[in-house]
Amino acid sequence: MTGNVRRAGAYAFVGSLALVVPVLAGRGLDPLTTAGAAALPFVAVGLAALYVVDEGPLFDLLARPGDYEEGRLFGLAAFAFACAGLALLVPLRQFGLPPTAFVGSVATLVVGNVAAELVRLRTTDQFAVTTGFTLGGLVAAVAAFLAVGEIAGGRLALPLVAFLAAVAALAAALLRAALFERDDPLVLVSVALLLWGFLELGIAAPTVRVGVGIGVSALLGYVAFALGTASLTGMLTGVLLALLAIVLGGYGWFALLITFFGLGGLSSKFRYEEKAARGIAEDNEGARGGGNVLANSAVALVAVVLFAASARVGMPPELFRYAFAGSVATAMADTLSSEIGGLFDEPRLVTTFERVEPGTDGAVTWQGQVAGLAGAGIIAGIAAVFFELGPVATGIVVVGGFVGTLADSLLGATLEGPVLGNQGVNLLATLAGAIVSAALALGLV
């Protein structure tokens, strides 16, 4: 186990070469020279990993289990070349990768891995290991952002630093939990591009909301995992989405999202044994995974990001409120209609109204439809309070949720299986609910 810590520390040392990039960026060199000089150290490490170091103590220090089979340090080479590729993007004249995003993503990954391995020395519990990775990555990202500000100038406000660091750490932890250790280069590139996007959009991060967002989302994530309503990846996805909703949208946006997470999770647990006997229960004893959470919330995530960047995209921010509420109303309605309606007999296929077996894709019951409509109404009511919606605007959210649920059933009956998976159907259904709500609201904004 201590060998894993030493290897993670060695990777962190290689990652520290990323600090060369902001130093070069502040020298005023031409882009081609800067790009070559920034990437060269990582290219050298990658080539050495492939063609020079193939045995001995240094190989043993840096090798991952799979590297011994090939006799080459493929893990280190992939990491170094990923860093080199990102470094080449920094000097681009118009839309270059910000040094903050590059150094921050590298620091998040390598220090997070060191922290995770240190935790693993004491326990193999995945929740504890992932928590160690997230906290280590968060601290490292904060330090990296501040260091780049000192080296290259252009310091970021401290609340924005904390927010971006939390986003980077959570996103990296989520990807690490969902992927294999050898996929670290993919984690690195994904986090760098995510930070790049936020920095380019000019996202604001109010001080109080950042503090509340980090604290509340982490607490609720722990509660969801402890109660078994979400898997590890589901918990991380929910925490990240909750943080974005609070900071980029506001407390009302979070209220809608947490209502869906809470009631949706409890409905999955409701009479679980009976649903399991019918073959319609969620896997993992009702604990929703990251894919399920993201499929139901991805459209809402895009809506809240576009709301925060509405000045850049040139659209009224109110439209994104309706899109957000419509997508969450769809997710809530679909979840309740499935979890409640599946307990009743004699479901009918939505396209032909023929009676089919419970659990058939696209099958509905009138009890499930009533439950779904109630779910959409709950979300619309909360939106009415926090977004100060009138009766017509509130009704628009209900209609969006209902239409989205209908789209889910139609897609389930026609495309699910041969063309789409369940998560793809959920994603498209929430998109339909968002579009319908935003389109109907055009006359109100």
Foldseek 3Di string as FASTA:
>chain_A
DVLQLLQLVVLLVLLVLLVVLLLLVQPPDALVVSLCVSLVSLQVQLVCQAPPDQDDPVCSSNADPVCVVVSGRPLSNLQSVLLSVLSSQQSDPPQGQPSLLSSLLSQLLSQLSSQLVVQVVPPPPPVSSLVSSLVRSLVRSLVSLQVSCVNNNPRDDNQVSNLLSNLSSLQLSLVPVVDDPSCSSVSSVVSSVVSSVCVVLVFDFDNVLSVCLLVVLVVVLVVCVVVQLAPPSLSSLSSSLLSLCPGLPRVLLNVLSVVLSVVLSVLLQVVVVLCVVLVQHDPSNNHHHNLQNCLLCVQLSVLSSCLSSVVVVVDDSVLSLQLNLQSSLQSQLLSQLLSVFLNDAQWAAPVPRHTDRRPQQLTGDVVSNVRSLVSQLVSLVSCCVPVVDDPVLSVLSSVLNSQLNNQLSVCRRPPDPPHDDNSNSSNVSSNSSSVSSSVVCPVVD
